[in-house]
Amino acid sequence: MQINDLFNILHNSIESQNNGKKISLKDMAQSLGISMRTYQDWKLGRAKPQAAAAVIKMLGKLDDDEIIRAVRKINKLEE
């Protein structure tokens, strides 16, 4: 699996969670605090942030409940 596959899966999952409402690259990038160009490059596989692969691999080592706990903790740090 390529990094761009991960970003596409996550982008589509977020859209599904919002009842299928499409989310533009610009809006997603803004919500992540990055430029639209950077996000577009990630989604198209032109740039490959190495940290993303490491984070996904680490989450993959956790059971489902622990993934939820970890992500909620991360989200609280952003508030």
PDB file of N, CA and C in Angstrom:
ATOM      1  N   MET A   1       0.849  -1.179   0.000  1.00  0.00           N
ATOM      2  CA  MET A   1       0.000   0.000   0.000  1.00  0.00           C
ATOM      3  C   MET A   1       0.893   1.240   0.000  1.00  0.00           C
ATOM      4  N   GLN A   2       0.525   2.197  -0.808  1.00  0.00           N
ATOM      5  CA  GLN A   2       1.268   3.444  -0.917  1.00  0.00           C
ATOM      6  C   GLN A   2       0.687   4.500   0.024  1.00  0.00           C
ATOM      7  N   ILE A   3       1.485   5.504   0.349  1.00  0.00           N
ATOM      8  CA  ILE A   3       1.041   6.582   1.235  1.00  0.00           C
ATOM      9  C   ILE A   3      -0.187   7.282   0.660  1.00  0.00           C
ATOM     10  N   ASN A   4      -0.186   7.517  -0.646  1.00  0.00           N
ATOM     11  CA  ASN A   4      -1.351   8.194  -1.237  1.00  0.00           C
ATOM     12  C   ASN A   4      -2.619   7.355  -1.070  1.00  0.00           C
ATOM     13  N   ASP A   5      -2.500   6.035  -1.054  1.00  0.00           N
ATOM     14  CA  ASP A   5      -3.671   5.187  -0.799  1.00  0.00           C
ATOM     15  C   ASP A   5      -4.234   5.473   0.590  1.00  0.00           C
ATOM     16  N   LEU A   6      -3.350   5.639   1.563  1.00  0.00           N
ATOM     17  CA  LEU A   6      -3.785   5.927   2.929  1.00  0.00           C
ATOM     18  C   LEU A   6      -4.554   7.242   2.989  1.00  0.00           C
ATOM     19  N   PHE A   7      -4.015   8.277   2.342  1.00  0.00           N
ATOM     20  CA  PHE A   7      -4.697   9.572   2.356  1.00  0.00           C
ATOM     21  C   PHE A   7      -6.038   9.495   1.646  1.00  0.00           C
ATOM     22  N   ASN A   8      -6.107   8.743   0.552  1.00  0.00           N
ATOM     23  CA  ASN A   8      -7.376   8.605  -0.165  1.00  0.00           C
ATOM     24  C   ASN A   8      -8.404   7.840   0.670  1.00  0.00           C
ATOM     25  N   ILE A   9      -7.975   6.780   1.338  1.00  0.00           N
ATOM     26  CA  ILE A   9      -8.880   6.011   2.202  1.00  0.00           C
ATOM     27  C   ILE A   9      -9.406   6.894   3.327  1.00  0.00           C
ATOM     28  N   LEU A  10      -8.510   7.622   3.978  1.00  0.00           N
ATOM     29  CA  LEU A  10      -8.933   8.486   5.086  1.00  0.00           C
ATOM     30  C   LEU A  10      -9.831   9.620   4.612  1.00  0.00           C
ATOM     31  N   HIS A  11      -9.501  10.222   3.481  1.00  0.00           N
ATOM     32  CA  HIS A  11     -10.332  11.301   2.937  1.00  0.00           C
ATOM     33  C   HIS A  11     -11.740  10.771   2.648  1.00  0.00           C
ATOM     34  N   ASN A  12     -11.809   9.623   1.981  1.00  0.00           N
ATOM     35  CA  ASN A  12     -13.108   9.030   1.654  1.00  0.00           C
ATOM     36  C   ASN A  12     -13.879   8.632   2.906  1.00  0.00           C
ATOM     37  N   SER A  13     -13.176   8.151   3.924  1.00  0.00           N
ATOM     38  CA  SER A  13     -13.841   7.773   5.174  1.00  0.00           C
ATOM     39  C   SER A  13     -14.439   8.991   5.870  1.00  0.00           C
ATOM     40  N   ILE A  14     -13.713  10.099   5.834  1.00  0.00           N
ATOM     41  CA  ILE A  14     -14.235  11.325   6.444  1.00  0.00           C
ATOM     42  C   ILE A  14     -15.459  11.814   5.674  1.00  0.00           C
ATOM     43  N   GLU A  15     -15.414  11.720   4.353  1.00  0.00           N
ATOM     44  CA  GLU A  15     -16.590  12.093   3.560  1.00  0.00           C
ATOM     45  C   GLU A  15     -17.774  11.187   3.887  1.00  0.00           C
ATOM     46  N   SER A  16     -17.533   9.897   4.019  1.00  0.00           N
ATOM     47  CA  SER A  16     -18.614   8.949   4.351  1.00  0.00           C
ATOM     48  C   SER A  16     -19.220   9.279   5.709  1.00  0.00           C
ATOM     49  N   GLN A  17     -18.375   9.638   6.646  1.00  0.00           N
ATOM     50  CA  GLN A  17     -18.855   9.987   7.975  1.00  0.00           C
ATOM     51  C   GLN A  17     -19.760  11.216   7.916  1.00  0.00           C
ATOM     52  N   ASN A  18     -19.539  12.061   6.935  1.00  0.00           N
ATOM     53  CA  ASN A  18     -20.349  13.266   6.748  1.00  0.00           C
ATOM     54  C   ASN A  18     -21.473  13.016   5.743  1.00  0.00           C
ATOM     55  N   ASN A  19     -22.035  11.808   5.783  1.00  0.00           N
ATOM     56  CA  ASN A  19     -23.155  11.418   4.917  1.00  0.00           C
ATOM     57  C   ASN A  19     -22.844  11.568   3.435  1.00  0.00           C
ATOM     58  N   GLY A  20     -21.604  11.297   3.057  1.00  0.00           N
ATOM     59  CA  GLY A  20     -21.216  11.326   1.657  1.00  0.00           C
ATOM     60  C   GLY A  20     -20.971  12.711   1.098  1.00  0.00           C
ATOM     61  N   LYS A  21     -21.063  13.730   1.940  1.00  0.00           N
ATOM     62  CA  LYS A  21     -20.820  15.102   1.484  1.00  0.00           C
ATOM     63  C   LYS A  21     -19.351  15.236   1.086  1.00  0.00           C
ATOM     64  N   LYS A  22     -19.133  15.663  -0.154  1.00  0.00           N
ATOM     65  CA  LYS A  22     -17.770  15.811  -0.666  1.00  0.00           C
ATOM     66  C   LYS A  22     -17.023  16.900   0.097  1.00  0.00           C
ATOM     67  N   ILE A  23     -15.752  16.651   0.327  1.00  0.00           N
ATOM     68  CA  ILE A  23     -14.881  17.613   0.985  1.00  0.00           C
ATOM     69  C   ILE A  23     -13.792  17.974  -0.016  1.00  0.00           C
ATOM     70  N   SER A  24     -13.662  19.246  -0.311  1.00  0.00           N
ATOM     71  CA  SER A  24     -12.656  19.676  -1.279  1.00  0.00           C
ATOM     72  C   SER A  24     -11.255  19.500  -0.705  1.00  0.00           C
ATOM     73  N   LEU A  25     -10.297  19.417  -1.609  1.00  0.00           N
ATOM     74  CA  LEU A  25      -8.907  19.342  -1.171  1.00  0.00           C
ATOM     75  C   LEU A  25      -8.547  20.578  -0.350  1.00  0.00           C
ATOM     76  N   LYS A  26      -9.051  21.724  -0.785  1.00  0.00           N
ATOM     77  CA  LYS A  26      -8.775  22.979  -0.080  1.00  0.00           C
ATOM     78  C   LYS A  26      -9.307  22.926   1.347  1.00  0.00           C
ATOM     79  N   ASP A  27     -10.554  22.469   1.512  1.00  0.00           N
ATOM     80  CA  ASP A  27     -11.152  22.403   2.851  1.00  0.00           C
ATOM     81  C   ASP A  27     -10.429  21.393   3.742  1.00  0.00           C
ATOM     82  N   MET A  28     -10.075  20.246   3.178  1.00  0.00           N
ATOM     83  CA  MET A  28      -9.370  19.240   3.977  1.00  0.00           C
ATOM     84  C   MET A  28      -7.989  19.764   4.378  1.00  0.00           C
ATOM     85  N   ALA A  29      -7.292  20.365   3.438  1.00  0.00           N
ATOM     86  CA  ALA A  29      -5.968  20.902   3.743  1.00  0.00           C
ATOM     87  C   ALA A  29      -6.057  21.963   4.832  1.00  0.00           C
ATOM     88  N   GLN A  30      -7.051  22.835   4.715  1.00  0.00           N
ATOM     89  CA  GLN A  30      -7.232  23.884   5.711  1.00  0.00           C
ATOM     90  C   GLN A  30      -7.492  23.283   7.093  1.00  0.00           C
ATOM     91  N   SER A  31      -8.304  22.231   7.147  1.00  0.00           N
ATOM     92  CA  SER A  31      -8.603  21.602   8.438  1.00  0.00           C
ATOM     93  C   SER A  31      -7.373  20.927   9.036  1.00  0.00           C
ATOM     94  N   LEU A  32      -6.419  20.548   8.190  1.00  0.00           N
ATOM     95  CA  LEU A  32      -5.180  19.916   8.651  1.00  0.00           C
ATOM     96  C   LEU A  32      -4.069  20.926   8.914  1.00  0.00           C
ATOM     97  N   GLY A  33      -4.310  22.174   8.522  1.00  0.00           N
ATOM     98  CA  GLY A  33      -3.304  23.210   8.736  1.00  0.00           C
ATOM     99  C   GLY A  33      -2.139  23.152   7.766  1.00  0.00           C
ATOM    100  N   ILE A  34      -2.421  22.673   6.544  1.00  0.00           N
ATOM    101  CA  ILE A  34      -1.382  22.590   5.517  1.00  0.00           C
ATOM    102  C   ILE A  34      -1.896  23.251   4.240  1.00  0.00           C
ATOM    103  N   SER A  35      -0.999  23.450   3.286  1.00  0.00           N
ATOM    104  CA  SER A  35      -1.423  24.051   2.022  1.00  0.00           C
ATOM    105  C   SER A  35      -2.175  23.029   1.176  1.00  0.00           C
ATOM    106  N   MET A  36      -3.035  23.546   0.305  1.00  0.00           N
ATOM    107  CA  MET A  36      -3.772  22.660  -0.588  1.00  0.00           C
ATOM    108  C   MET A  36      -2.799  21.906  -1.494  1.00  0.00           C
ATOM    109  N   ARG A  37      -1.752  22.554  -1.936  1.00  0.00           N
ATOM    110  CA  ARG A  37      -0.768  21.929  -2.819  1.00  0.00           C
ATOM    111  C   ARG A  37      -0.099  20.739  -2.131  1.00  0.00           C
ATOM    112  N   THR A  38       0.249  20.910  -0.868  1.00  0.00           N
ATOM    113  CA  THR A  38       0.866  19.812  -0.115  1.00  0.00           C
ATOM    114  C   THR A  38      -0.090  18.634  -0.017  1.00  0.00           C
ATOM    115  N   TYR A  39      -1.341  18.920   0.357  1.00  0.00           N
ATOM    116  CA  TYR A  39      -2.314  17.833   0.495  1.00  0.00           C
ATOM    117  C   TYR A  39      -2.555  17.157  -0.845  1.00  0.00           C
ATOM    118  N   GLN A  40      -2.670  17.932  -1.887  1.00  0.00           N
ATOM    119  CA  GLN A  40      -2.870  17.374  -3.229  1.00  0.00           C
ATOM    120  C   GLN A  40      -1.694  16.464  -3.601  1.00  0.00           C
ATOM    121  N   ASP A  41      -0.489  16.903  -3.314  1.00  0.00           N
ATOM    122  CA  ASP A  41       0.688  16.083  -3.613  1.00  0.00           C
ATOM    123  C   ASP A  41       0.667  14.774  -2.835  1.00  0.00           C
ATOM    124  N   TRP A  42       0.222  14.819  -1.584  1.00  0.00           N
ATOM    125  CA  TRP A  42       0.110  13.590  -0.789  1.00  0.00           C
ATOM    126  C   TRP A  42      -0.912  12.652  -1.399  1.00  0.00           C
ATOM    127  N   LYS A  43      -2.086  13.192  -1.759  1.00  0.00           N
ATOM    128  CA  LYS A  43      -3.161  12.349  -2.307  1.00  0.00           C
ATOM    129  C   LYS A  43      -2.787  11.740  -3.658  1.00  0.00           C
ATOM    130  N   LEU A  44      -1.997  12.467  -4.432  1.00  0.00           N
ATOM    131  CA  LEU A  44      -1.607  11.978  -5.751  1.00  0.00           C
ATOM    132  C   LEU A  44      -0.319  11.162  -5.731  1.00  0.00           C
ATOM    133  N   GLY A  45       0.337  11.109  -4.580  1.00  0.00           N
ATOM    134  CA  GLY A  45       1.564  10.327  -4.463  1.00  0.00           C
ATOM    135  C   GLY A  45       2.801  11.037  -4.970  1.00  0.00           C
ATOM    136  N   ARG A  46       2.713  12.348  -5.208  1.00  0.00           N
ATOM    137  CA  ARG A  46       3.887  13.109  -5.665  1.00  0.00           C
ATOM    138  C   ARG A  46       4.823  13.434  -4.506  1.00  0.00           C
ATOM    139  N   ALA A  47       4.278  13.442  -3.305  1.00  0.00           N
ATOM    140  CA  ALA A  47       5.083  13.645  -2.096  1.00  0.00           C
ATOM    141  C   ALA A  47       4.652  12.577  -1.098  1.00  0.00           C
ATOM    142  N   LYS A  48       5.602  12.105  -0.331  1.00  0.00           N
ATOM    143  CA  LYS A  48       5.315  11.008   0.590  1.00  0.00           C
ATOM    144  C   LYS A  48       5.843  11.336   1.979  1.00  0.00           C
ATOM    145  N   PRO A  49       4.993  11.920   2.817  1.00  0.00           N
ATOM    146  CA  PRO A  49       5.449  12.231   4.174  1.00  0.00           C
ATOM    147  C   PRO A  49       5.751  10.947   4.938  1.00  0.00           C
ATOM    148  N   GLN A  50       6.986  10.768   5.311  1.00  0.00           N
ATOM    149  CA  GLN A  50       7.402   9.529   5.965  1.00  0.00           C
ATOM    150  C   GLN A  50       6.720   9.310   7.307  1.00  0.00           C
ATOM    151  N   ALA A  51       6.409  10.384   7.995  1.00  0.00           N
ATOM    152  CA  ALA A  51       5.753  10.251   9.295  1.00  0.00           C
ATOM    153  C   ALA A  51       4.393   9.588   9.160  1.00  0.00           C
ATOM    154  N   ALA A  52       3.707   9.837   8.066  1.00  0.00           N
ATOM    155  CA  ALA A  52       2.369   9.256   7.878  1.00  0.00           C
ATOM    156  C   ALA A  52       2.434   7.732   7.883  1.00  0.00           C
ATOM    157  N   ALA A  53       3.388   7.181   7.188  1.00  0.00           N
ATOM    158  CA  ALA A  53       3.523   5.723   7.149  1.00  0.00           C
ATOM    159  C   ALA A  53       3.825   5.165   8.530  1.00  0.00           C
ATOM    160  N   ALA A  54       4.689   5.846   9.262  1.00  0.00           N
ATOM    161  CA  ALA A  54       5.036   5.384  10.609  1.00  0.00           C
ATOM    162  C   ALA A  54       3.828   5.434  11.537  1.00  0.00           C
ATOM    163  N   VAL A  55       3.059   6.517  11.467  1.00  0.00           N
ATOM    164  CA  VAL A  55       1.866   6.645  12.314  1.00  0.00           C
ATOM    165  C   VAL A  55       0.873   5.528  12.007  1.00  0.00           C
ATOM    166  N   ILE A  56       0.625   5.257  10.743  1.00  0.00           N
ATOM    167  CA  ILE A  56      -0.323   4.202  10.362  1.00  0.00           C
ATOM    168  C   ILE A  56       0.178   2.838  10.843  1.00  0.00           C
ATOM    169  N   LYS A  57       1.456   2.584  10.706  1.00  0.00           N
ATOM    170  CA  LYS A  57       2.009   1.308  11.178  1.00  0.00           C
ATOM    171  C   LYS A  57       1.862   1.173  12.690  1.00  0.00           C
ATOM    172  N   MET A  58       2.084   2.268  13.405  1.00  0.00           N
ATOM    173  CA  MET A  58       1.928   2.229  14.865  1.00  0.00           C
ATOM    174  C   MET A  58       0.468   1.978  15.240  1.00  0.00           C
ATOM    175  N   LEU A  59      -0.459   2.661  14.583  1.00  0.00           N
ATOM    176  CA  LEU A  59      -1.881   2.439  14.864  1.00  0.00           C
ATOM    177  C   LEU A  59      -2.274   0.995  14.548  1.00  0.00           C
ATOM    178  N   GLY A  60      -1.666   0.425  13.517  1.00  0.00           N
ATOM    179  CA  GLY A  60      -1.956  -0.949  13.138  1.00  0.00           C
ATOM    180  C   GLY A  60      -1.535  -1.967  14.187  1.00  0.00           C
ATOM    181  N   LYS A  61      -0.661  -1.594  15.090  1.00  0.00           N
ATOM    182  CA  LYS A  61      -0.220  -2.491  16.162  1.00  0.00           C
ATOM    183  C   LYS A  61      -1.168  -2.481  17.364  1.00  0.00           C
ATOM    184  N   LEU A  62      -2.139  -1.558  17.344  1.00  0.00           N
ATOM    185  CA  LEU A  62      -3.081  -1.431  18.463  1.00  0.00           C
ATOM    186  C   LEU A  62      -4.384  -2.157  18.161  1.00  0.00           C
ATOM    187  N   ASP A  63      -5.080  -2.570  19.229  1.00  0.00           N
ATOM    188  CA  ASP A  63      -6.422  -3.116  19.013  1.00  0.00           C
ATOM    189  C   ASP A  63      -7.384  -1.945  18.811  1.00  0.00           C
ATOM    190  N   ASP A  64      -8.582  -2.239  18.351  1.00  0.00           N
ATOM    191  CA  ASP A  64      -9.539  -1.198  17.963  1.00  0.00           C
ATOM    192  C   ASP A  64      -9.829  -0.195  19.073  1.00  0.00           C
ATOM    193  N   ASP A  65     -10.060  -0.697  20.285  1.00  0.00           N
ATOM    194  CA  ASP A  65     -10.368   0.201  21.397  1.00  0.00           C
ATOM    195  C   ASP A  65      -9.207   1.133  21.713  1.00  0.00           C
ATOM    196  N   GLU A  66      -8.000   0.619  21.635  1.00  0.00           N
ATOM    197  CA  GLU A  66      -6.828   1.442  21.936  1.00  0.00           C
ATOM    198  C   GLU A  66      -6.593   2.473  20.830  1.00  0.00           C
ATOM    199  N   ILE A  67      -6.907   2.135  19.595  1.00  0.00           N
ATOM    200  CA  ILE A  67      -6.806   3.114  18.504  1.00  0.00           C
ATOM    201  C   ILE A  67      -7.729   4.289  18.789  1.00  0.00           C
ATOM    202  N   ILE A  68      -8.940   3.985  19.187  1.00  0.00           N
ATOM    203  CA  ILE A  68      -9.912   5.043  19.488  1.00  0.00           C
ATOM    204  C   ILE A  68      -9.410   5.914  20.629  1.00  0.00           C
ATOM    205  N   ARG A  69      -8.902   5.292  21.693  1.00  0.00           N
ATOM    206  CA  ARG A  69      -8.370   6.063  22.823  1.00  0.00           C
ATOM    207  C   ARG A  69      -7.212   6.960  22.390  1.00  0.00           C
ATOM    208  N   ALA A  70      -6.302   6.412  21.607  1.00  0.00           N
ATOM    209  CA  ALA A  70      -5.134   7.180  21.167  1.00  0.00           C
ATOM    210  C   ALA A  70      -5.548   8.365  20.291  1.00  0.00           C
ATOM    211  N   VAL A  71      -6.455   8.128  19.370  1.00  0.00           N
ATOM    212  CA  VAL A  71      -6.892   9.205  18.473  1.00  0.00           C
ATOM    213  C   VAL A  71      -7.636  10.280  19.258  1.00  0.00           C
ATOM    214  N   ARG A  72      -8.441   9.884  20.211  1.00  0.00           N
ATOM    215  CA  ARG A  72      -9.141  10.880  21.038  1.00  0.00           C
ATOM    216  C   ARG A  72      -8.155  11.718  21.846  1.00  0.00           C
ATOM    217  N   LYS A  73      -7.106  11.095  22.378  1.00  0.00           N
ATOM    218  CA  LYS A  73      -6.079  11.839  23.109  1.00  0.00           C
ATOM    219  C   LYS A  73      -5.398  12.841  22.183  1.00  0.00           C
ATOM    220  N   ILE A  74      -5.079  12.406  20.981  1.00  0.00           N
ATOM    221  CA  ILE A  74      -4.436  13.283  20.009  1.00  0.00           C
ATOM    222  C   ILE A  74      -5.342  14.457  19.677  1.00  0.00           C
ATOM    223  N   ASN A  75      -6.623  14.189  19.472  1.00  0.00           N
ATOM    224  CA  ASN A  75      -7.569  15.256  19.151  1.00  0.00           C
ATOM    225  C   ASN A  75      -7.686  16.251  20.306  1.00  0.00           C
ATOM    226  N   LYS A  76      -7.614  15.781  21.541  1.00  0.00           N
ATOM    227  CA  LYS A  76      -7.694  16.688  22.704  1.00  0.00           C
ATOM    228  C   LYS A  76      -6.480  17.607  22.758  1.00  0.00           C
ATOM    229  N   LEU A  77      -5.334  17.147  22.311  1.00  0.00           N
ATOM    230  CA  LEU A  77      -4.123  17.973  22.291  1.00  0.00           C
ATOM    231  C   LEU A  77      -4.304  19.162  21.351  1.00  0.00           C
ATOM    232  N   GLU A  78      -5.115  18.992  20.312  1.00  0.00           N
ATOM    233  CA  GLU A  78      -5.339  20.043  19.335  1.00  0.00           C
ATOM    234  C   GLU A  78      -6.289  21.112  19.809  1.00  0.00           C
ATOM    235  N   GLU A  79      -7.044  20.847  20.870  1.00  0.00           N
ATOM    236  CA  GLU A  79      -8.058  21.809  21.338  1.00  0.00           C
ATOM    237  C   GLU A  79      -7.438  22.942  22.101  1.00  0.00           C
TER     238      GLU A  79
END
